[in-house]
Amino acid sequence: TGTVSDAMCGAHHMEKGKTAAECTRDCVKQGTKYALVVGEKIYTLEGHEPELDRVAGMKATIEDRVSGETLTVQSVVPEMKMK
């Protein structure tokens, strides 16, 4: 479980005036991969890009297979906000 971002920006988005989701989507369109930020660690995500796009900038639980710093995505579950 962590925040869905991109591999270039990680936890600190660089595009001024854009939300984390907008910056993540722009970076992915420019060729970087989606990433999961868990504390100080950043894992590159492979697969399920349409699902990752829907949760860009949000907390989510990613079910995956780990290979070093890369997670092969099996499923994406957005974190539900408590009311």
C-alpha atoms as a PDB file:
ATOM      1  CA  THR A   1       0.000   0.000   0.000  1.00  0.00           C
ATOM      2  CA  GLY A   2       1.320   3.422  -0.963  1.00  0.00           C
ATOM      3  CA  THR A   3       0.769   6.414  -3.224  1.00  0.00           C
ATOM      4  CA  VAL A   4       0.602   5.896  -6.990  1.00  0.00           C
ATOM      5  CA  SER A   5       3.045   8.295  -8.616  1.00  0.00           C
ATOM      6  CA  ASP A   6       5.590   8.126 -11.423  1.00  0.00           C
ATOM      7  CA  ALA A   7       9.184   6.893 -11.407  1.00  0.00           C
ATOM      8  CA  MET A   8      10.633  10.312 -12.308  1.00  0.00           C
ATOM      9  CA  CYS A   9       8.936  12.449  -9.638  1.00  0.00           C
ATOM     10  CA  GLY A  10       8.401   9.862  -6.913  1.00  0.00           C
ATOM     11  CA  ALA A  11       6.996  11.593  -3.829  1.00  0.00           C
ATOM     12  CA  HIS A  12       7.930  15.121  -4.964  1.00  0.00           C
ATOM     13  CA  HIS A  13       6.122  16.307  -8.076  1.00  0.00           C
ATOM     14  CA  MET A  14       7.961  18.896 -10.135  1.00  0.00           C
ATOM     15  CA  GLU A  15       5.247  20.395 -12.340  1.00  0.00           C
ATOM     16  CA  LYS A  16       4.187  23.650 -10.728  1.00  0.00           C
ATOM     17  CA  GLY A  17       0.460  24.373 -10.542  1.00  0.00           C
ATOM     18  CA  LYS A  18      -0.588  20.771 -11.167  1.00  0.00           C
ATOM     19  CA  THR A  19      -2.029  18.221  -8.788  1.00  0.00           C
ATOM     20  CA  ALA A  20      -0.110  15.034  -8.014  1.00  0.00           C
ATOM     21  CA  ALA A  21      -2.492  13.147 -10.309  1.00  0.00           C
ATOM     22  CA  GLU A  22      -2.021  15.604 -13.207  1.00  0.00           C
ATOM     23  CA  CYS A  23       1.764  15.577 -12.837  1.00  0.00           C
ATOM     24  CA  THR A  24       1.857  11.772 -12.659  1.00  0.00           C
ATOM     25  CA  ARG A  25      -0.253  11.411 -15.806  1.00  0.00           C
ATOM     26  CA  ASP A  26       1.857  14.001 -17.686  1.00  0.00           C
ATOM     27  CA  CYS A  27       5.106  12.242 -16.735  1.00  0.00           C
ATOM     28  CA  VAL A  28       3.716   8.859 -17.820  1.00  0.00           C
ATOM     29  CA  LYS A  29       2.621  10.352 -21.165  1.00  0.00           C
ATOM     30  CA  GLN A  30       6.220  11.549 -21.590  1.00  0.00           C
ATOM     31  CA  GLY A  31       7.512   7.995 -21.167  1.00  0.00           C
ATOM     32  CA  THR A  32       8.220   7.390 -17.485  1.00  0.00           C
ATOM     33  CA  LYS A  33       6.612   4.448 -15.654  1.00  0.00           C
ATOM     34  CA  TYR A  34       4.029   4.498 -12.893  1.00  0.00           C
ATOM     35  CA  ALA A  35       5.535   3.992  -9.437  1.00  0.00           C
ATOM     36  CA  LEU A  36       4.377   3.189  -5.924  1.00  0.00           C
ATOM     37  CA  VAL A  37       5.752   5.399  -3.157  1.00  0.00           C
ATOM     38  CA  VAL A  38       5.922   3.595   0.190  1.00  0.00           C
ATOM     39  CA  GLY A  39       7.594   5.795   2.779  1.00  0.00           C
ATOM     40  CA  GLU A  40      11.028   6.653   1.337  1.00  0.00           C
ATOM     41  CA  LYS A  41      10.991   3.699  -1.099  1.00  0.00           C
ATOM     42  CA  ILE A  42       9.879   3.994  -4.735  1.00  0.00           C
ATOM     43  CA  TYR A  43       8.894   0.882  -6.704  1.00  0.00           C
ATOM     44  CA  THR A  44       8.462   0.962 -10.486  1.00  0.00           C
ATOM     45  CA  LEU A  45       5.120  -0.544 -11.559  1.00  0.00           C
ATOM     46  CA  GLU A  46       4.667  -2.737 -14.642  1.00  0.00           C
ATOM     47  CA  GLY A  47       1.248  -3.510 -16.142  1.00  0.00           C
ATOM     48  CA  HIS A  48      -2.369  -2.503 -15.511  1.00  0.00           C
ATOM     49  CA  GLU A  49      -1.729   1.076 -16.722  1.00  0.00           C
ATOM     50  CA  PRO A  50      -5.451   1.954 -17.191  1.00  0.00           C
ATOM     51  CA  GLU A  51      -6.142   1.016 -13.553  1.00  0.00           C
ATOM     52  CA  LEU A  52      -3.063   2.899 -12.360  1.00  0.00           C
ATOM     53  CA  ASP A  53      -4.183   5.957 -14.337  1.00  0.00           C
ATOM     54  CA  ARG A  54      -7.492   5.992 -12.423  1.00  0.00           C
ATOM     55  CA  VAL A  55      -5.676   6.073  -9.051  1.00  0.00           C
ATOM     56  CA  ALA A  56      -2.792   8.382 -10.023  1.00  0.00           C
ATOM     57  CA  GLY A  57      -1.876  10.595  -7.062  1.00  0.00           C
ATOM     58  CA  MET A  58      -3.986   8.486  -4.680  1.00  0.00           C
ATOM     59  CA  LYS A  59      -3.263   5.857  -2.052  1.00  0.00           C
ATOM     60  CA  ALA A  60      -3.835   2.323  -3.274  1.00  0.00           C
ATOM     61  CA  THR A  61      -2.986  -1.268  -2.494  1.00  0.00           C
ATOM     62  CA  ILE A  62      -1.127  -2.980  -5.288  1.00  0.00           C
ATOM     63  CA  GLU A  63      -1.065  -6.779  -5.420  1.00  0.00           C
ATOM     64  CA  ASP A  64       2.071  -7.728  -7.273  1.00  0.00           C
ATOM     65  CA  ARG A  65       5.065  -9.912  -7.948  1.00  0.00           C
ATOM     66  CA  VAL A  66       8.323  -8.312  -6.822  1.00  0.00           C
ATOM     67  CA  SER A  67      11.509  -8.409  -8.863  1.00  0.00           C
ATOM     68  CA  GLY A  68      14.099  -6.091  -7.289  1.00  0.00           C
ATOM     69  CA  GLU A  69      12.739  -2.543  -7.452  1.00  0.00           C
ATOM     70  CA  THR A  70      10.011  -3.444  -9.984  1.00  0.00           C
ATOM     71  CA  LEU A  71       6.517  -4.625  -9.087  1.00  0.00           C
ATOM     72  CA  THR A  72       4.544  -6.520 -11.734  1.00  0.00           C
ATOM     73  CA  VAL A  73       0.974  -5.428 -10.980  1.00  0.00           C
ATOM     74  CA  GLN A  74      -1.646  -8.134 -10.454  1.00  0.00           C
ATOM     75  CA  SER A  75      -4.434  -5.855  -9.144  1.00  0.00           C
ATOM     76  CA  VAL A  76      -5.057  -2.277  -8.015  1.00  0.00           C
ATOM     77  CA  VAL A  77      -7.385  -1.440  -5.105  1.00  0.00           C
ATOM     78  CA  PRO A  78      -7.918   2.261  -4.286  1.00  0.00           C
ATOM     79  CA  GLU A  79      -7.856   3.158  -0.607  1.00  0.00           C
ATOM     80  CA  MET A  80     -11.360   4.146   0.461  1.00  0.00           C
ATOM     81  CA  LYS A  81     -11.649   7.407   2.367  1.00  0.00           C
ATOM     82  CA  MET A  82     -13.399   7.317   5.709  1.00  0.00           C
ATOM     83  CA  LYS A  83     -16.290   9.767   6.154  1.00  0.00           C
END
